[in-house]
Amino acid sequence: MTDQFTRQAQDMFAAAKDARIPENVQAMAEEGVTKTREAYAKLNSATKDGVKVIEDVMVAAHAGAKTIGEKVLRNTEINTEAVFDAAQAIARAKTIPEAVRLQTNFVQQQMAVAGAQTKELFELSAKVAQQTFETVNSAATKAFEQMKKAG
């Protein structure tokens, strides 16, 4: 039985050795590989573009957050220095009316400074938000165009 199986297997391999794949099957296989390769190249390109778009959005958002954070930190430093300066001036006051006047002046100045700082921070935030929105909008447009090309 084993000899018979071996002989049948050898006969099949011998017949297969001479068998030809039909040309139309070869052509379909080659066309399938070519189309799959093209689709992969488009998808790969779109994916790389998508990653670049996400990176651009993240960089823009990070830069905006950093700018706002630096502005808040700078304002905090300025305000803290003003508090120390006022405290030192008040500590040197010779009379109570002088100390009250220095305190009143400091509070009035800080209210004006706080208003200006708030306005600057609002304007900076609006600018950063606009820049980030423009980056996101541009990125979405690019991504949509890439998807149309890939499709």
C-alpha atoms as a PDB file:
ATOM      1  CA  MET A   1       0.000   0.000   0.000  1.00  0.00           C
ATOM      2  CA  THR A   2       2.811   2.373   0.829  1.00  0.00           C
ATOM      3  CA  ASP A   3       4.465   1.600  -2.480  1.00  0.00           C
ATOM      4  CA  GLN A   4       1.249   2.305  -4.302  1.00  0.00           C
ATOM      5  CA  PHE A   5       0.807   5.654  -2.493  1.00  0.00           C
ATOM      6  CA  THR A   6       4.415   6.595  -3.239  1.00  0.00           C
ATOM      7  CA  ARG A   7       3.980   5.695  -6.907  1.00  0.00           C
ATOM      8  CA  GLN A   8       0.767   7.760  -7.142  1.00  0.00           C
ATOM      9  CA  ALA A   9       2.447  10.740  -5.484  1.00  0.00           C
ATOM     10  CA  GLN A  10       5.400  10.458  -7.872  1.00  0.00           C
ATOM     11  CA  ASP A  11       3.049  10.266 -10.838  1.00  0.00           C
ATOM     12  CA  MET A  12       1.194  13.368  -9.630  1.00  0.00           C
ATOM     13  CA  PHE A  13       4.433  15.322  -9.162  1.00  0.00           C
ATOM     14  CA  ALA A  14       5.672  14.223 -12.595  1.00  0.00           C
ATOM     15  CA  ALA A  15       2.404  15.346 -14.195  1.00  0.00           C
ATOM     16  CA  ALA A  16       2.473  18.625 -12.242  1.00  0.00           C
ATOM     17  CA  LYS A  17       6.029  19.266 -13.370  1.00  0.00           C
ATOM     18  CA  ASP A  18       4.907  19.507 -16.956  1.00  0.00           C
ATOM     19  CA  ALA A  19       1.611  21.307 -16.224  1.00  0.00           C
ATOM     20  CA  ARG A  20       1.312  24.914 -17.319  1.00  0.00           C
ATOM     21  CA  ILE A  21      -0.602  27.718 -15.658  1.00  0.00           C
ATOM     22  CA  PRO A  22      -2.996  29.232 -18.218  1.00  0.00           C
ATOM     23  CA  GLU A  23      -1.923  32.661 -19.478  1.00  0.00           C
ATOM     24  CA  ASN A  24      -5.210  34.287 -18.478  1.00  0.00           C
ATOM     25  CA  VAL A  25      -4.716  33.055 -14.872  1.00  0.00           C
ATOM     26  CA  GLN A  26      -1.149  34.414 -14.872  1.00  0.00           C
ATOM     27  CA  ALA A  27      -2.379  37.754 -16.244  1.00  0.00           C
ATOM     28  CA  MET A  28      -5.098  37.992 -13.589  1.00  0.00           C
ATOM     29  CA  ALA A  29      -2.612  37.163 -10.837  1.00  0.00           C
ATOM     30  CA  GLU A  30      -0.120  39.752 -12.085  1.00  0.00           C
ATOM     31  CA  GLU A  31      -2.847  42.369 -12.447  1.00  0.00           C
ATOM     32  CA  GLY A  32      -4.069  41.607  -8.917  1.00  0.00           C
ATOM     33  CA  VAL A  33      -0.579  42.026  -7.498  1.00  0.00           C
ATOM     34  CA  THR A  34      -0.065  45.274  -9.440  1.00  0.00           C
ATOM     35  CA  LYS A  35      -3.402  46.742  -8.322  1.00  0.00           C
ATOM     36  CA  THR A  36      -2.822  45.677  -4.731  1.00  0.00           C
ATOM     37  CA  ARG A  37       0.641  47.257  -4.796  1.00  0.00           C
ATOM     38  CA  GLU A  38      -0.812  50.507  -6.195  1.00  0.00           C
ATOM     39  CA  ALA A  39      -3.563  50.548  -3.575  1.00  0.00           C
ATOM     40  CA  TYR A  40      -1.007  49.922  -0.844  1.00  0.00           C
ATOM     41  CA  ALA A  41       1.199  52.761  -2.147  1.00  0.00           C
ATOM     42  CA  LYS A  42      -1.765  55.173  -2.116  1.00  0.00           C
ATOM     43  CA  LEU A  43      -2.848  54.051   1.338  1.00  0.00           C
ATOM     44  CA  ASN A  44       0.713  54.256   2.654  1.00  0.00           C
ATOM     45  CA  SER A  45       1.110  57.767   1.237  1.00  0.00           C
ATOM     46  CA  ALA A  46      -2.224  58.873   2.689  1.00  0.00           C
ATOM     47  CA  THR A  47      -1.267  57.405   6.063  1.00  0.00           C
ATOM     48  CA  LYS A  48       2.066  59.222   6.072  1.00  0.00           C
ATOM     49  CA  ASP A  49       0.295  62.456   5.132  1.00  0.00           C
ATOM     50  CA  GLY A  50      -2.228  61.843   7.910  1.00  0.00           C
ATOM     51  CA  VAL A  51       0.522  61.375  10.460  1.00  0.00           C
ATOM     52  CA  LYS A  52       2.162  64.602   9.250  1.00  0.00           C
ATOM     53  CA  VAL A  53      -1.169  66.418   9.565  1.00  0.00           C
ATOM     54  CA  ILE A  54      -1.653  65.186  13.138  1.00  0.00           C
ATOM     55  CA  GLU A  55       1.917  66.171  13.946  1.00  0.00           C
ATOM     56  CA  ASP A  56       1.358  69.691  12.540  1.00  0.00           C
ATOM     57  CA  VAL A  57      -1.810  70.110  14.612  1.00  0.00           C
ATOM     58  CA  MET A  58      -0.065  68.874  17.764  1.00  0.00           C
ATOM     59  CA  VAL A  59       2.923  71.165  17.179  1.00  0.00           C
ATOM     60  CA  ALA A  60       0.624  74.162  16.658  1.00  0.00           C
ATOM     61  CA  ALA A  61      -1.417  73.354  19.767  1.00  0.00           C
ATOM     62  CA  HIS A  62       1.729  72.798  21.842  1.00  0.00           C
ATOM     63  CA  ALA A  63       3.303  76.042  20.640  1.00  0.00           C
ATOM     64  CA  GLY A  64       0.136  77.941  21.498  1.00  0.00           C
ATOM     65  CA  ALA A  65      -0.118  76.390  24.954  1.00  0.00           C
ATOM     66  CA  LYS A  66       3.556  77.124  25.566  1.00  0.00           C
ATOM     67  CA  THR A  67       3.149  80.771  24.533  1.00  0.00           C
ATOM     68  CA  ILE A  68       0.151  81.219  26.820  1.00  0.00           C
ATOM     69  CA  GLY A  69       1.917  79.446  29.686  1.00  0.00           C
ATOM     70  CA  GLU A  70       4.985  81.651  29.303  1.00  0.00           C
ATOM     71  CA  LYS A  71       2.770  84.768  29.316  1.00  0.00           C
ATOM     72  CA  VAL A  72       0.979  83.658  32.496  1.00  0.00           C
ATOM     73  CA  LEU A  73       4.304  82.882  34.162  1.00  0.00           C
ATOM     74  CA  ARG A  74       5.738  86.277  33.172  1.00  0.00           C
ATOM     75  CA  ASN A  75       2.636  88.060  34.494  1.00  0.00           C
ATOM     76  CA  THR A  76       2.935  86.132  37.761  1.00  0.00           C
ATOM     77  CA  GLU A  77       6.580  87.193  38.099  1.00  0.00           C
ATOM     78  CA  ILE A  78       5.704  90.840  37.416  1.00  0.00           C
ATOM     79  CA  ASN A  79       2.816  90.781  39.898  1.00  0.00           C
ATOM     80  CA  THR A  80       4.886  89.068  42.580  1.00  0.00           C
ATOM     81  CA  GLU A  81       7.677  91.613  42.230  1.00  0.00           C
ATOM     82  CA  ALA A  82       5.082  94.403  42.502  1.00  0.00           C
ATOM     83  CA  VAL A  83       3.752  92.869  45.737  1.00  0.00           C
ATOM     84  CA  PHE A  84       7.247  92.707  47.241  1.00  0.00           C
ATOM     85  CA  ASP A  85       8.011  96.266  46.162  1.00  0.00           C
ATOM     86  CA  ALA A  86       4.747  97.529  47.658  1.00  0.00           C
ATOM     87  CA  ALA A  87       5.268  95.576  50.867  1.00  0.00           C
ATOM     88  CA  GLN A  88       8.760  97.006  51.218  1.00  0.00           C
ATOM     89  CA  ALA A  89       7.496 100.568  50.608  1.00  0.00           C
ATOM     90  CA  ILE A  90       4.689 100.089  53.116  1.00  0.00           C
ATOM     91  CA  ALA A  91       7.133  98.649  55.651  1.00  0.00           C
ATOM     92  CA  ARG A  92       9.237 101.845  55.317  1.00  0.00           C
ATOM     93  CA  ALA A  93       6.249 104.160  55.764  1.00  0.00           C
ATOM     94  CA  LYS A  94       6.662 106.557  58.665  1.00  0.00           C
ATOM     95  CA  THR A  95       2.975 107.186  59.321  1.00  0.00           C
ATOM     96  CA  ILE A  96      -0.268 105.272  59.073  1.00  0.00           C
ATOM     97  CA  PRO A  97      -1.720 107.674  56.466  1.00  0.00           C
ATOM     98  CA  GLU A  98       1.419 107.131  54.325  1.00  0.00           C
ATOM     99  CA  ALA A  99       1.058 103.340  54.647  1.00  0.00           C
ATOM    100  CA  VAL A 100      -2.656 103.551  53.729  1.00  0.00           C
ATOM    101  CA  ARG A 101      -1.832 105.783  50.721  1.00  0.00           C
ATOM    102  CA  LEU A 102       0.868 103.353  49.526  1.00  0.00           C
ATOM    103  CA  GLN A 103      -1.512 100.417  49.966  1.00  0.00           C
ATOM    104  CA  THR A 104      -4.311 102.235  48.103  1.00  0.00           C
ATOM    105  CA  ASN A 105      -1.960 103.219  45.263  1.00  0.00           C
ATOM    106  CA  PHE A 106      -0.714  99.647  45.000  1.00  0.00           C
ATOM    107  CA  VAL A 107      -4.242  98.208  44.833  1.00  0.00           C
ATOM    108  CA  GLN A 108      -5.261 100.766  42.172  1.00  0.00           C
ATOM    109  CA  GLN A 109      -2.154 100.070  40.109  1.00  0.00           C
ATOM    110  CA  GLN A 110      -2.623  96.310  40.376  1.00  0.00           C
ATOM    111  CA  MET A 111      -6.257  96.591  39.282  1.00  0.00           C
ATOM    112  CA  ALA A 112      -5.123  98.477  36.163  1.00  0.00           C
ATOM    113  CA  VAL A 113      -2.283  95.995  35.567  1.00  0.00           C
ATOM    114  CA  ALA A 114      -4.641  93.029  36.047  1.00  0.00           C
ATOM    115  CA  GLY A 115      -7.056  94.517  33.514  1.00  0.00           C
ATOM    116  CA  ALA A 116      -4.270  95.021  30.980  1.00  0.00           C
ATOM    117  CA  GLN A 117      -2.865  91.549  31.602  1.00  0.00           C
ATOM    118  CA  THR A 118      -6.293  89.979  31.227  1.00  0.00           C
ATOM    119  CA  LYS A 119      -6.840  91.822  27.950  1.00  0.00           C
ATOM    120  CA  GLU A 120      -3.407  90.743  26.653  1.00  0.00           C
ATOM    121  CA  LEU A 121      -4.017  87.153  27.701  1.00  0.00           C
ATOM    122  CA  PHE A 122      -7.452  87.129  26.063  1.00  0.00           C
ATOM    123  CA  GLU A 123      -6.012  88.542  22.821  1.00  0.00           C
ATOM    124  CA  LEU A 124      -3.150  86.038  22.897  1.00  0.00           C
ATOM    125  CA  SER A 125      -5.571  83.170  23.559  1.00  0.00           C
ATOM    126  CA  ALA A 126      -7.774  84.273  20.671  1.00  0.00           C
ATOM    127  CA  LYS A 127      -4.744  84.486  18.379  1.00  0.00           C
ATOM    128  CA  VAL A 128      -3.513  81.039  19.434  1.00  0.00           C
ATOM    129  CA  ALA A 129      -7.000  79.568  19.028  1.00  0.00           C
ATOM    130  CA  GLN A 130      -7.277  81.097  15.542  1.00  0.00           C
ATOM    131  CA  GLN A 131      -3.853  79.755  14.525  1.00  0.00           C
ATOM    132  CA  THR A 132      -4.687  76.310  15.874  1.00  0.00           C
ATOM    133  CA  PHE A 133      -8.073  76.350  14.127  1.00  0.00           C
ATOM    134  CA  GLU A 134      -6.409  77.337  10.844  1.00  0.00           C
ATOM    135  CA  THR A 135      -3.907  74.502  11.227  1.00  0.00           C
ATOM    136  CA  VAL A 136      -6.671  72.004  11.987  1.00  0.00           C
ATOM    137  CA  ASN A 137      -8.766  73.306   9.079  1.00  0.00           C
ATOM    138  CA  SER A 138      -5.813  73.089   6.706  1.00  0.00           C
ATOM    139  CA  ALA A 139      -4.988  69.625   7.986  1.00  0.00           C
ATOM    140  CA  ALA A 140      -8.563  68.434   7.529  1.00  0.00           C
ATOM    141  CA  THR A 141      -8.627  69.807   3.994  1.00  0.00           C
ATOM    142  CA  LYS A 142      -5.350  68.057   3.158  1.00  0.00           C
ATOM    143  CA  ALA A 143      -6.578  64.802   4.664  1.00  0.00           C
ATOM    144  CA  PHE A 144      -9.854  65.013   2.739  1.00  0.00           C
ATOM    145  CA  GLU A 145      -8.000  65.681  -0.525  1.00  0.00           C
ATOM    146  CA  GLN A 146      -5.677  62.739   0.138  1.00  0.00           C
ATOM    147  CA  MET A 147      -8.644  60.478   0.801  1.00  0.00           C
ATOM    148  CA  LYS A 148     -10.250  61.573  -2.482  1.00  0.00           C
ATOM    149  CA  LYS A 149      -7.011  60.791  -4.352  1.00  0.00           C
ATOM    150  CA  ALA A 150      -6.604  57.411  -2.641  1.00  0.00           C
ATOM    151  CA  GLY A 151     -10.207  56.468  -3.335  1.00  0.00           C
END
